[in-house]
Each structure stands twice: as structure tokens, then as C-alpha cells.
């Protein structure tokens, strides 16, 4: 089966990190979280799965433009690409009929969306 990497999007990042600050471990609503670059862009960091995590406003402010050693913060887990693909997140009711040979046991929807 071919593999596909989930695209790096804000929505997928929130799903990967489960709306949880990766520094303090608390869960927050989306408006209280921001994307933090573990290695800041100003220090050569890039925007991608292995350098971005969710951080609450408080932790992100205390980290500032410093790397982890200088900030004194520790990650709960290292940032990695998710092990899922967007297609695996579909509910069975969203699967197409043409997928039925590969999705036994579920009632597919028709290709017209009904």
C-alpha cells in the first residue's frame, strides 16, 4: 500500500498535538495556542513537522526567540510527522463505494455524496 505524508497544515498540527501545549502539557482551546518553532526561524529553524509544536501563550512567551537549552523549557515529546494520513481520519460514512474492496465491514456512501 502506498504511503502518503500528511500535509503540514495548522489544522493537522492541532490534531497531531491534540490541542495540547507541548511544554506544559495542558490542553487549551485553539485561540489560546500558537505554533512554536522549536529552533526559532531566526536561528535557522524551518517550518515543518519536525520543528513545530503547539505552545500555549504563556509558554511561547517565556521561550521567546531562544532555543530549548537557553529557555529552560522541555518538550513533552519530540516533534515528528504524524503516523496517519488524512484519508485514515475519514469516518466510514465518508468512504466512497469504490473503496469497498479495501474497507470490508462498513457501509460506504455513493460517489454522488448521498
PDB file of N, CA and C in Angstrom:
ATOM      1  N   UNK A   1       0.852  -1.178   0.000  1.00  0.00           N
ATOM      2  CA  UNK A   1       0.000   0.000   0.000  1.00  0.00           C
ATOM      3  C   UNK A   1       0.898   1.242   0.000  1.00  0.00           C
ATOM      4  N   UNK A   2       0.668   2.156  -0.927  1.00  0.00           N
ATOM      5  CA  UNK A   2       1.500   3.356  -0.942  1.00  0.00           C
ATOM      6  C   UNK A   2       1.258   4.205   0.296  1.00  0.00           C
ATOM      7  N   UNK A   3       2.312   4.849   0.741  1.00  0.00           N
ATOM      8  CA  UNK A   3       2.172   5.725   1.892  1.00  0.00           C
ATOM      9  C   UNK A   3       2.105   7.170   1.427  1.00  0.00           C
ATOM     10  N   UNK A   4       1.537   7.978   2.249  1.00  0.00           N
ATOM     11  CA  UNK A   4       1.401   9.391   1.922  1.00  0.00           C
ATOM     12  C   UNK A   4       1.619  10.171   3.211  1.00  0.00           C
ATOM     13  N   UNK A   5       2.406  11.192   3.133  1.00  0.00           N
ATOM     14  CA  UNK A   5       2.660  12.016   4.304  1.00  0.00           C
ATOM     15  C   UNK A   5       1.559  13.055   4.437  1.00  0.00           C
ATOM     16  N   UNK A   6       1.077  13.218   5.634  1.00  0.00           N
ATOM     17  CA  UNK A   6       0.051  14.227   5.872  1.00  0.00           C
ATOM     18  C   UNK A   6       0.648  15.597   5.593  1.00  0.00           C
ATOM     19  N   UNK A   7      -0.086  16.461   4.911  1.00  0.00           N
ATOM     20  CA  UNK A   7       0.441  17.799   4.651  1.00  0.00           C
ATOM     21  C   UNK A   7       0.605  18.581   5.948  1.00  0.00           C
ATOM     22  N   UNK A   8       1.647  19.390   6.002  1.00  0.00           N
ATOM     23  CA  UNK A   8       1.865  20.209   7.183  1.00  0.00           C
ATOM     24  C   UNK A   8       0.939  21.403   7.096  1.00  0.00           C
ATOM     25  N   UNK A   9      -0.131  21.356   7.882  1.00  0.00           N
ATOM     26  CA  UNK A   9      -1.082  22.456   7.972  1.00  0.00           C
ATOM     27  C   UNK A   9      -1.347  22.740   9.441  1.00  0.00           C
ATOM     28  N   UNK A  10      -1.865  23.905   9.696  1.00  0.00           N
ATOM     29  CA  UNK A  10      -2.200  24.283  11.075  1.00  0.00           C
ATOM     30  C   UNK A  10      -3.214  23.302  11.664  1.00  0.00           C
ATOM     31  N   UNK A  11      -4.207  22.955  10.878  1.00  0.00           N
ATOM     32  CA  UNK A  11      -5.243  22.032  11.352  1.00  0.00           C
ATOM     33  C   UNK A  11      -4.645  20.663  11.704  1.00  0.00           C
ATOM     34  N   UNK A  12      -3.763  20.154  10.829  1.00  0.00           N
ATOM     35  CA  UNK A  12      -3.141  18.863  11.108  1.00  0.00           C
ATOM     36  C   UNK A  12      -2.198  18.935  12.310  1.00  0.00           C
ATOM     37  N   UNK A  13      -1.554  20.073  12.513  1.00  0.00           N
ATOM     38  CA  UNK A  13      -0.688  20.243  13.674  1.00  0.00           C
ATOM     39  C   UNK A  13      -1.511  20.207  14.967  1.00  0.00           C
ATOM     40  N   UNK A  14      -2.665  20.864  14.946  1.00  0.00           N
ATOM     41  CA  UNK A  14      -3.545  20.831  16.123  1.00  0.00           C
ATOM     42  C   UNK A  14      -4.017  19.403  16.385  1.00  0.00           C
ATOM     43  N   UNK A  15      -4.271  18.662  15.329  1.00  0.00           N
ATOM     44  CA  UNK A  15      -4.703  17.277  15.511  1.00  0.00           C
ATOM     45  C   UNK A  15      -3.558  16.421  16.043  1.00  0.00           C
ATOM     46  N   UNK A  16      -2.367  16.589  15.481  1.00  0.00           N
ATOM     47  CA  UNK A  16      -1.217  15.798  15.949  1.00  0.00           C
ATOM     48  C   UNK A  16      -0.947  16.046  17.437  1.00  0.00           C
ATOM     49  N   UNK A  17      -0.959  17.313  17.847  1.00  0.00           N
ATOM     50  CA  UNK A  17      -0.639  17.658  19.227  1.00  0.00           C
ATOM     51  C   UNK A  17      -1.854  17.654  20.152  1.00  0.00           C
ATOM     52  N   UNK A  18      -3.012  17.295  19.624  1.00  0.00           N
ATOM     53  CA  UNK A  18      -4.238  17.139  20.419  1.00  0.00           C
ATOM     54  C   UNK A  18      -4.586  18.388  21.231  1.00  0.00           C
ATOM     55  N   UNK A  19      -4.426  19.582  20.628  1.00  0.00           N
ATOM     56  CA  UNK A  19      -4.747  20.848  21.292  1.00  0.00           C
ATOM     57  C   UNK A  19      -4.054  20.976  22.646  1.00  0.00           C
ATOM     58  N   UNK A  20      -2.842  20.458  22.733  1.00  0.00           N
ATOM     59  CA  UNK A  20      -2.109  20.429  23.992  1.00  0.00           C
ATOM     60  C   UNK A  20      -0.779  21.151  23.845  1.00  0.00           C
ATOM     61  N   UNK A  21      -0.467  22.005  24.804  1.00  0.00           N
ATOM     62  CA  UNK A  21       0.827  22.678  24.812  1.00  0.00           C
ATOM     63  C   UNK A  21       1.906  21.620  25.007  1.00  0.00           C
ATOM     64  N   UNK A  22       2.893  21.615  24.141  1.00  0.00           N
ATOM     65  CA  UNK A  22       3.937  20.604  24.200  1.00  0.00           C
ATOM     66  C   UNK A  22       5.022  20.920  25.223  1.00  0.00           C
ATOM     67  N   UNK A  23       4.858  22.016  25.946  1.00  0.00           N
ATOM     68  CA  UNK A  23       5.801  22.362  27.012  1.00  0.00           C
ATOM     69  C   UNK A  23       5.192  22.101  28.390  1.00  0.00           C
ATOM     70  N   UNK A  24       4.019  22.644  28.658  1.00  0.00           N
ATOM     71  CA  UNK A  24       3.422  22.452  29.994  1.00  0.00           C
ATOM     72  C   UNK A  24       2.456  21.267  30.044  1.00  0.00           C
ATOM     73  N   UNK A  25       2.017  20.786  28.889  1.00  0.00           N
ATOM     74  CA  UNK A  25       1.153  19.618  28.846  1.00  0.00           C
ATOM     75  C   UNK A  25      -0.321  19.887  29.065  1.00  0.00           C
ATOM     76  N   UNK A  26      -0.715  21.156  29.169  1.00  0.00           N
ATOM     77  CA  UNK A  26      -2.130  21.477  29.384  1.00  0.00           C
ATOM     78  C   UNK A  26      -2.856  21.591  28.050  1.00  0.00           C
ATOM     79  N   UNK A  27      -4.112  21.192  28.077  1.00  0.00           N
ATOM     80  CA  UNK A  27      -4.962  21.259  26.886  1.00  0.00           C
ATOM     81  C   UNK A  27      -5.679  22.610  26.874  1.00  0.00           C
ATOM     82  N   UNK A  28      -5.705  23.268  25.702  1.00  0.00           N
ATOM     83  CA  UNK A  28      -6.304  24.597  25.575  1.00  0.00           C
ATOM     84  C   UNK A  28      -7.186  24.673  24.332  1.00  0.00           C
ATOM     85  N   UNK A  29      -8.118  25.635  24.294  1.00  0.00           N
ATOM     86  CA  UNK A  29      -8.847  25.885  23.046  1.00  0.00           C
ATOM     87  C   UNK A  29      -7.877  26.493  22.026  1.00  0.00           C
ATOM     88  N   UNK A  30      -8.245  26.411  20.772  1.00  0.00           N
ATOM     89  CA  UNK A  30      -7.364  26.838  19.680  1.00  0.00           C
ATOM     90  C   UNK A  30      -6.901  28.282  19.821  1.00  0.00           C
ATOM     91  N   UNK A  31      -7.749  29.154  20.326  1.00  0.00           N
ATOM     92  CA  UNK A  31      -7.368  30.568  20.411  1.00  0.00           C
ATOM     93  C   UNK A  31      -6.354  30.853  21.525  1.00  0.00           C
ATOM     94  N   UNK A  32      -6.041  29.867  22.348  1.00  0.00           N
ATOM     95  CA  UNK A  32      -5.042  30.041  23.408  1.00  0.00           C
ATOM     96  C   UNK A  32      -3.734  29.327  23.083  1.00  0.00           C
ATOM     97  N   UNK A  33      -3.641  28.782  21.867  1.00  0.00           N
ATOM     98  CA  UNK A  33      -2.432  28.073  21.440  1.00  0.00           C
ATOM     99  C   UNK A  33      -1.826  28.747  20.230  1.00  0.00           C
ATOM    100  N   UNK A  34      -0.519  28.620  20.095  1.00  0.00           N
ATOM    101  CA  UNK A  34       0.165  29.148  18.916  1.00  0.00           C
ATOM    102  C   UNK A  34       1.179  28.114  18.437  1.00  0.00           C
ATOM    103  N   UNK A  35       1.626  28.287  17.214  1.00  0.00           N
ATOM    104  CA  UNK A  35       2.631  27.398  16.651  1.00  0.00           C
ATOM    105  C   UNK A  35       4.002  27.921  17.070  1.00  0.00           C
ATOM    106  N   UNK A  36       4.777  27.064  17.691  1.00  0.00           N
ATOM    107  CA  UNK A  36       6.120  27.437  18.125  1.00  0.00           C
ATOM    108  C   UNK A  36       7.149  26.667  17.311  1.00  0.00           C
ATOM    109  N   UNK A  37       8.171  27.369  16.867  1.00  0.00           N
ATOM    110  CA  UNK A  37       9.308  26.730  16.200  1.00  0.00           C
ATOM    111  C   UNK A  37      10.306  26.347  17.285  1.00  0.00           C
ATOM    112  N   UNK A  38      10.548  25.057  17.446  1.00  0.00           N
ATOM    113  CA  UNK A  38      11.457  24.584  18.487  1.00  0.00           C
ATOM    114  C   UNK A  38      12.818  25.256  18.321  1.00  0.00           C
ATOM    115  N   UNK A  39      13.371  25.210  17.128  1.00  0.00           N
ATOM    116  CA  UNK A  39      14.547  26.009  16.795  1.00  0.00           C
ATOM    117  C   UNK A  39      14.007  27.219  16.052  1.00  0.00           C
ATOM    118  N   UNK A  40      14.059  28.394  16.656  1.00  0.00           N
ATOM    119  CA  UNK A  40      13.448  29.577  16.036  1.00  0.00           C
ATOM    120  C   UNK A  40      13.941  29.817  14.604  1.00  0.00           C
ATOM    121  N   UNK A  41      13.056  30.348  13.788  1.00  0.00           N
ATOM    122  CA  UNK A  41      13.419  30.650  12.397  1.00  0.00           C
ATOM    123  C   UNK A  41      14.603  31.607  12.342  1.00  0.00           C
ATOM    124  N   UNK A  42      14.696  32.529  13.301  1.00  0.00           N
ATOM    125  CA  UNK A  42      15.800  33.485  13.316  1.00  0.00           C
ATOM    126  C   UNK A  42      17.150  32.807  13.576  1.00  0.00           C
ATOM    127  N   UNK A  43      17.107  31.566  14.060  1.00  0.00           N
ATOM    128  CA  UNK A  43      18.333  30.815  14.323  1.00  0.00           C
ATOM    129  C   UNK A  43      18.508  29.666  13.333  1.00  0.00           C
ATOM    130  N   UNK A  44      17.792  29.741  12.206  1.00  0.00           N
ATOM    131  CA  UNK A  44      17.946  28.731  11.156  1.00  0.00           C
ATOM    132  C   UNK A  44      16.899  27.635  11.155  1.00  0.00           C
ATOM    133  N   UNK A  45      15.915  27.706  12.042  1.00  0.00           N
ATOM    134  CA  UNK A  45      14.867  26.688  12.077  1.00  0.00           C
ATOM    135  C   UNK A  45      13.924  26.819  10.896  1.00  0.00           C
ATOM    136  N   UNK A  46      13.295  25.732  10.538  1.00  0.00           N
ATOM    137  CA  UNK A  46      12.365  25.738   9.410  1.00  0.00           C
ATOM    138  C   UNK A  46      10.949  25.429   9.899  1.00  0.00           C
ATOM    139  N   UNK A  47      10.005  25.631   9.025  1.00  0.00           N
ATOM    140  CA  UNK A  47       8.610  25.338   9.340  1.00  0.00           C
ATOM    141  C   UNK A  47       8.284  23.968   8.781  1.00  0.00           C
ATOM    142  N   UNK A  48       8.042  23.022   9.662  1.00  0.00           N
ATOM    143  CA  UNK A  48       7.728  21.656   9.242  1.00  0.00           C
ATOM    144  C   UNK A  48       7.409  20.788  10.444  1.00  0.00           C
ATOM    145  N   UNK A  49       7.051  19.537  10.161  1.00  0.00           N
ATOM    146  CA  UNK A  49       6.635  18.609  11.207  1.00  0.00           C
ATOM    147  C   UNK A  49       7.674  18.422  12.300  1.00  0.00           C
ATOM    148  N   UNK A  50       8.954  18.415  11.939  1.00  0.00           N
ATOM    149  CA  UNK A  50       9.975  18.098  12.934  1.00  0.00           C
ATOM    150  C   UNK A  50      10.557  19.319  13.651  1.00  0.00           C
ATOM    151  N   UNK A  51       9.968  20.506  13.437  1.00  0.00           N
ATOM    152  CA  UNK A  51      10.446  21.690  14.147  1.00  0.00           C
ATOM    153  C   UNK A  51       9.316  22.540  14.741  1.00  0.00           C
ATOM    154  N   UNK A  52       8.080  22.171  14.513  1.00  0.00           N
ATOM    155  CA  UNK A  52       6.948  22.961  15.017  1.00  0.00           C
ATOM    156  C   UNK A  52       6.107  22.161  15.999  1.00  0.00           C
ATOM    157  N   UNK A  53       5.682  22.835  17.055  1.00  0.00           N
ATOM    158  CA  UNK A  53       4.801  22.247  18.059  1.00  0.00           C
ATOM    159  C   UNK A  53       3.789  23.300  18.485  1.00  0.00           C
ATOM    160  N   UNK A  54       2.742  22.859  19.157  1.00  0.00           N
ATOM    161  CA  UNK A  54       1.796  23.799  19.739  1.00  0.00           C
ATOM    162  C   UNK A  54       2.304  24.228  21.108  1.00  0.00           C
ATOM    163  N   UNK A  55       2.134  25.500  21.405  1.00  0.00           N
ATOM    164  CA  UNK A  55       2.530  26.035  22.712  1.00  0.00           C
ATOM    165  C   UNK A  55       1.463  27.017  23.174  1.00  0.00           C
ATOM    166  N   UNK A  56       1.168  26.989  24.456  1.00  0.00           N
ATOM    167  CA  UNK A  56       0.234  27.969  24.997  1.00  0.00           C
ATOM    168  C   UNK A  56       0.911  29.339  24.967  1.00  0.00           C
ATOM    169  N   UNK A  57       0.124  30.369  25.082  1.00  0.00           N
ATOM    170  CA  UNK A  57       0.653  31.734  25.011  1.00  0.00           C
ATOM    171  C   UNK A  57       1.720  31.946  26.090  1.00  0.00           C
ATOM    172  N   UNK A  58       1.468  31.451  27.281  1.00  0.00           N
ATOM    173  CA  UNK A  58       2.414  31.644  28.387  1.00  0.00           C
ATOM    174  C   UNK A  58       3.759  30.978  28.099  1.00  0.00           C
ATOM    175  N   UNK A  59       3.738  29.724  27.682  1.00  0.00           N
ATOM    176  CA  UNK A  59       4.999  29.013  27.405  1.00  0.00           C
ATOM    177  C   UNK A  59       5.716  29.605  26.198  1.00  0.00           C
ATOM    178  N   UNK A  60       4.968  29.952  25.167  1.00  0.00           N
ATOM    179  CA  UNK A  60       5.589  30.514  23.978  1.00  0.00           C
ATOM    180  C   UNK A  60       6.231  31.862  24.298  1.00  0.00           C
ATOM    181  N   UNK A  61       5.595  32.651  25.132  1.00  0.00           N
ATOM    182  CA  UNK A  61       6.161  33.944  25.524  1.00  0.00           C
ATOM    183  C   UNK A  61       7.421  33.767  26.357  1.00  0.00           C
ATOM    184  N   UNK A  62       7.414  32.789  27.267  1.00  0.00           N
ATOM    185  CA  UNK A  62       8.597  32.584  28.103  1.00  0.00           C
ATOM    186  C   UNK A  62       9.756  32.012  27.300  1.00  0.00           C
ATOM    187  N   UNK A  63       9.470  31.245  26.261  1.00  0.00           N
ATOM    188  CA  UNK A  63      10.530  30.705  25.410  1.00  0.00           C
ATOM    189  C   UNK A  63      11.114  31.797  24.537  1.00  0.00           C
ATOM    190  N   UNK A  64      10.249  32.637  24.007  1.00  0.00           N
ATOM    191  CA  UNK A  64      10.705  33.742  23.174  1.00  0.00           C
ATOM    192  C   UNK A  64      11.451  33.273  21.948  1.00  0.00           C
ATOM    193  N   UNK A  65      12.542  33.940  21.641  1.00  0.00           N
ATOM    194  CA  UNK A  65      13.336  33.659  20.448  1.00  0.00           C
ATOM    195  C   UNK A  65      14.594  32.867  20.811  1.00  0.00           C
ATOM    196  N   UNK A  66      14.436  31.956  21.769  1.00  0.00           N
ATOM    197  CA  UNK A  66      15.579  31.172  22.234  1.00  0.00           C
ATOM    198  C   UNK A  66      15.390  29.705  21.904  1.00  0.00           C
ATOM    199  N   UNK A  67      16.485  28.955  21.877  1.00  0.00           N
ATOM    200  CA  UNK A  67      16.345  27.516  21.685  1.00  0.00           C
ATOM    201  C   UNK A  67      15.977  26.881  23.030  1.00  0.00           C
ATOM    202  N   UNK A  68      15.761  25.584  23.038  1.00  0.00           N
ATOM    203  CA  UNK A  68      15.292  24.913  24.252  1.00  0.00           C
ATOM    204  C   UNK A  68      16.288  25.021  25.407  1.00  0.00           C
ATOM    205  N   UNK A  69      17.572  24.862  25.143  1.00  0.00           N
ATOM    206  CA  UNK A  69      18.567  24.937  26.227  1.00  0.00           C
ATOM    207  C   UNK A  69      18.539  26.292  26.921  1.00  0.00           C
ATOM    208  N   UNK A  70      18.514  27.354  26.129  1.00  0.00           N
ATOM    209  CA  UNK A  70      18.532  28.693  26.711  1.00  0.00           C
ATOM    210  C   UNK A  70      17.227  29.048  27.410  1.00  0.00           C
ATOM    211  N   UNK A  71      16.122  28.514  26.921  1.00  0.00           N
ATOM    212  CA  UNK A  71      14.827  28.861  27.509  1.00  0.00           C
ATOM    213  C   UNK A  71      14.544  28.096  28.797  1.00  0.00           C
ATOM    214  N   UNK A  72      15.166  26.950  28.969  1.00  0.00           N
ATOM    215  CA  UNK A  72      14.908  26.138  30.159  1.00  0.00           C
ATOM    216  C   UNK A  72      13.658  25.282  30.045  1.00  0.00           C
ATOM    217  N   UNK A  73      12.971  25.327  28.916  1.00  0.00           N
ATOM    218  CA  UNK A  73      11.770  24.516  28.716  1.00  0.00           C
ATOM    219  C   UNK A  73      12.149  23.156  28.132  1.00  0.00           C
ATOM    220  N   UNK A  74      11.277  22.171  28.369  1.00  0.00           N
ATOM    221  CA  UNK A  74      11.477  20.839  27.802  1.00  0.00           C
ATOM    222  C   UNK A  74      10.225  20.417  27.068  1.00  0.00           C
ATOM    223  N   UNK A  75      10.413  19.763  25.946  1.00  0.00           N
ATOM    224  CA  UNK A  75       9.280  19.243  25.186  1.00  0.00           C
ATOM    225  C   UNK A  75       8.744  17.984  25.844  1.00  0.00           C
ATOM    226  N   UNK A  76       7.431  17.824  25.824  1.00  0.00           N
ATOM    227  CA  UNK A  76       6.800  16.605  26.347  1.00  0.00           C
ATOM    228  C   UNK A  76       7.136  15.415  25.462  1.00  0.00           C
ATOM    229  N   UNK A  77       7.224  15.670  24.153  1.00  0.00           N
ATOM    230  CA  UNK A  77       7.625  14.645  23.190  1.00  0.00           C
ATOM    231  C   UNK A  77       8.229  15.358  21.983  1.00  0.00           C
ATOM    232  N   UNK A  78       9.160  14.695  21.309  1.00  0.00           N
ATOM    233  CA  UNK A  78       9.800  15.338  20.155  1.00  0.00           C
ATOM    234  C   UNK A  78       8.823  15.495  18.998  1.00  0.00           C
ATOM    235  N   UNK A  79       8.938  16.593  18.261  1.00  0.00           N
ATOM    236  CA  UNK A  79       8.043  16.786  17.117  1.00  0.00           C
ATOM    237  C   UNK A  79       8.413  15.855  15.970  1.00  0.00           C
ATOM    238  N   UNK A  80       7.419  15.152  15.447  1.00  0.00           N
ATOM    239  CA  UNK A  80       7.618  14.210  14.342  1.00  0.00           C
ATOM    240  C   UNK A  80       6.424  14.286  13.404  1.00  0.00           C
ATOM    241  N   UNK A  81       6.611  13.859  12.166  1.00  0.00           N
ATOM    242  CA  UNK A  81       5.444  13.769  11.279  1.00  0.00           C
ATOM    243  C   UNK A  81       4.437  12.785  11.878  1.00  0.00           C
ATOM    244  N   UNK A  82       3.150  13.032  11.727  1.00  0.00           N
ATOM    245  CA  UNK A  82       2.155  12.101  12.274  1.00  0.00           C
ATOM    246  C   UNK A  82       2.207  10.773  11.547  1.00  0.00           C
ATOM    247  N   UNK A  83       1.754   9.733  12.211  1.00  0.00           N
ATOM    248  CA  UNK A  83       1.745   8.393  11.623  1.00  0.00           C
ATOM    249  C   UNK A  83       0.474   8.110  10.839  1.00  0.00           C
ATOM    250  N   UNK A  84      -0.356   9.090  10.662  1.00  0.00           N
ATOM    251  CA  UNK A  84      -1.613   8.900   9.955  1.00  0.00           C
ATOM    252  C   UNK A  84      -1.619   9.734   8.682  1.00  0.00           C
ATOM    253  N   UNK A  85      -2.546   9.396   7.829  1.00  0.00           N
ATOM    254  CA  UNK A  85      -2.759  10.188   6.628  1.00  0.00           C
ATOM    255  C   UNK A  85      -4.151  10.790   6.722  1.00  0.00           C
ATOM    256  N   UNK A  86      -4.431  11.855   6.009  1.00  0.00           N
ATOM    257  CA  UNK A  86      -5.767  12.458   6.081  1.00  0.00           C
ATOM    258  C   UNK A  86      -6.876  11.473   5.747  1.00  0.00           C
ATOM    259  N   UNK A  87      -6.594  10.500   4.875  1.00  0.00           N
ATOM    260  CA  UNK A  87      -7.623   9.544   4.463  1.00  0.00           C
ATOM    261  C   UNK A  87      -8.019   8.611   5.592  1.00  0.00           C
ATOM    262  N   UNK A  88      -7.130   8.359   6.525  1.00  0.00           N
ATOM    263  CA  UNK A  88      -7.462   7.490   7.643  1.00  0.00           C
ATOM    264  C   UNK A  88      -8.344   8.188   8.664  1.00  0.00           C
ATOM    265  N   UNK A  89      -8.467   9.498   8.574  1.00  0.00           N
ATOM    266  CA  UNK A  89      -9.285  10.244   9.519  1.00  0.00           C
ATOM    267  C   UNK A  89     -10.736  10.370   9.081  1.00  0.00           C
ATOM    268  N   UNK A  90     -11.066   9.849   7.916  1.00  0.00           N
ATOM    269  CA  UNK A  90     -12.444   9.901   7.449  1.00  0.00           C
ATOM    270  C   UNK A  90     -13.289   8.894   8.216  1.00  0.00           C
ATOM    271  N   UNK A  91     -14.495   9.282   8.552  1.00  0.00           N
ATOM    272  CA  UNK A  91     -15.427   8.352   9.168  1.00  0.00           C
ATOM    273  C   UNK A  91     -15.900   7.374   8.104  1.00  0.00           C
ATOM    274  N   UNK A  92     -16.241   6.156   8.485  1.00  0.00           N
ATOM    275  CA  UNK A  92     -16.708   5.174   7.492  1.00  0.00           C
ATOM    276  C   UNK A  92     -17.858   5.698   6.627  1.00  0.00           C
ATOM    277  N   UNK A  93     -18.703   6.552   7.168  1.00  0.00           N
ATOM    278  CA  UNK A  93     -19.811   7.083   6.381  1.00  0.00           C
ATOM    279  C   UNK A  93     -19.325   7.998   5.255  1.00  0.00           C
ATOM    280  N   UNK A  94     -18.062   8.458   5.320  1.00  0.00           N
ATOM    281  CA  UNK A  94     -17.499   9.334   4.297  1.00  0.00           C
ATOM    282  C   UNK A  94     -16.728   8.561   3.222  1.00  0.00           C
ATOM    283  N   UNK A  95     -16.570   7.244   3.413  1.00  0.00           N
ATOM    284  CA  UNK A  95     -15.826   6.448   2.450  1.00  0.00           C
ATOM    285  C   UNK A  95     -16.631   6.287   1.170  1.00  0.00           C
ATOM    286  N   UNK A  96     -15.961   6.244   0.037  1.00  0.00           N
ATOM    287  CA  UNK A  96     -16.626   6.067  -1.253  1.00  0.00           C
ATOM    288  C   UNK A  96     -16.885   4.593  -1.537  1.00  0.00           C
ATOM    289  N   UNK A  97     -17.910   4.336  -2.333  1.00  0.00           N
ATOM    290  CA  UNK A  97     -18.273   2.959  -2.679  1.00  0.00           C
ATOM    291  C   UNK A  97     -17.118   2.250  -3.377  1.00  0.00           C
ATOM    292  N   UNK A  98     -16.357   2.975  -4.179  1.00  0.00           N
ATOM    293  CA  UNK A  98     -15.236   2.369  -4.907  1.00  0.00           C
ATOM    294  C   UNK A  98     -14.143   1.855  -3.964  1.00  0.00           C
ATOM    295  N   UNK A  99     -14.177   2.262  -2.699  1.00  0.00           N
ATOM    296  CA  UNK A  99     -13.187   1.799  -1.734  1.00  0.00           C
ATOM    297  C   UNK A  99     -13.592   0.475  -1.091  1.00  0.00           C
ATOM    298  N   UNK A 100     -14.795  -0.018  -1.359  1.00  0.00           N
ATOM    299  CA  UNK A 100     -15.335  -1.180  -0.653  1.00  0.00           C
ATOM    300  C   UNK A 100     -14.447  -2.426  -0.699  1.00  0.00           C
ATOM    301  N   UNK A 101     -13.708  -2.710  -1.779  1.00  0.00           N
ATOM    302  CA  UNK A 101     -12.832  -3.889  -1.721  1.00  0.00           C
ATOM    303  C   UNK A 101     -11.751  -3.782  -0.634  1.00  0.00           C
ATOM    304  N   UNK A 102     -11.455  -2.574  -0.212  1.00  0.00           N
ATOM    305  CA  UNK A 102     -10.384  -2.367   0.761  1.00  0.00           C
ATOM    306  C   UNK A 102     -10.905  -2.036   2.156  1.00  0.00           C
ATOM    307  N   UNK A 103     -12.207  -1.844   2.306  1.00  0.00           N
ATOM    308  CA  UNK A 103     -12.794  -1.424   3.580  1.00  0.00           C
ATOM    309  C   UNK A 103     -13.948  -2.331   3.960  1.00  0.00           C
ATOM    310  N   UNK A 104     -13.704  -3.608   4.073  1.00  0.00           N
ATOM    311  CA  UNK A 104     -14.772  -4.555   4.369  1.00  0.00           C
ATOM    312  C   UNK A 104     -15.395  -4.280   5.732  1.00  0.00           C
ATOM    313  N   UNK A 105     -16.689  -4.484   5.800  1.00  0.00           N
ATOM    314  CA  UNK A 105     -17.390  -4.336   7.066  1.00  0.00           C
ATOM    315  C   UNK A 105     -18.030  -2.984   7.296  1.00  0.00           C
ATOM    316  N   UNK A 106     -17.922  -2.063   6.366  1.00  0.00           N
ATOM    317  CA  UNK A 106     -18.503  -0.745   6.536  1.00  0.00           C
ATOM    318  C   UNK A 106     -19.434  -0.424   5.378  1.00  0.00           C
ATOM    319  N   UNK A 107     -20.430   0.356   5.672  1.00  0.00           N
ATOM    320  CA  UNK A 107     -21.394   0.790   4.655  1.00  0.00           C
ATOM    321  C   UNK A 107     -20.884   2.050   3.985  1.00  0.00           C
ATOM    322  N   UNK A 108     -20.484   1.967   2.712  1.00  0.00           N
ATOM    323  CA  UNK A 108     -19.953   3.161   2.027  1.00  0.00           C
ATOM    324  C   UNK A 108     -21.060   4.083   1.575  1.00  0.00           C
ATOM    325  N   UNK A 109     -20.695   5.343   1.309  1.00  0.00           N
ATOM    326  CA  UNK A 109     -21.641   6.272   0.710  1.00  0.00           C
ATOM    327  C   UNK A 109     -21.449   6.200  -0.799  1.00  0.00           C
ATOM    328  N   UNK A 110     -22.397   6.661  -1.553  1.00  0.00           N
ATOM    329  CA  UNK A 110     -22.256   6.634  -3.002  1.00  0.00           C
ATOM    330  C   UNK A 110     -21.325   7.744  -3.457  1.00  0.00           C
ATOM    331  N   UNK A 111     -20.856   7.659  -4.696  1.00  0.00           N
ATOM    332  CA  UNK A 111     -19.928   8.658  -5.229  1.00  0.00           C
ATOM    333  C   UNK A 111     -20.587  10.020  -5.357  1.00  0.00           C
ATOM    334  N   UNK A 112     -21.926  10.078  -5.384  1.00  0.00           N
ATOM    335  CA  UNK A 112     -22.629  11.356  -5.511  1.00  0.00           C
ATOM    336  C   UNK A 112     -22.774  12.059  -4.166  1.00  0.00           C
ATOM    337  N   UNK A 113     -22.379  11.375  -3.089  1.00  0.00           N
ATOM    338  CA  UNK A 113     -22.425  12.014  -1.777  1.00  0.00           C
ATOM    339  C   UNK A 113     -23.697  11.762  -1.007  1.00  0.00           C
ATOM    340  N   UNK A 114     -24.580  10.884  -1.485  1.00  0.00           N
ATOM    341  CA  UNK A 114     -25.824  10.611  -0.757  1.00  0.00           C
ATOM    342  C   UNK A 114     -25.685   9.426   0.147  1.00  0.00           C
TER     343      UNK A 114
END
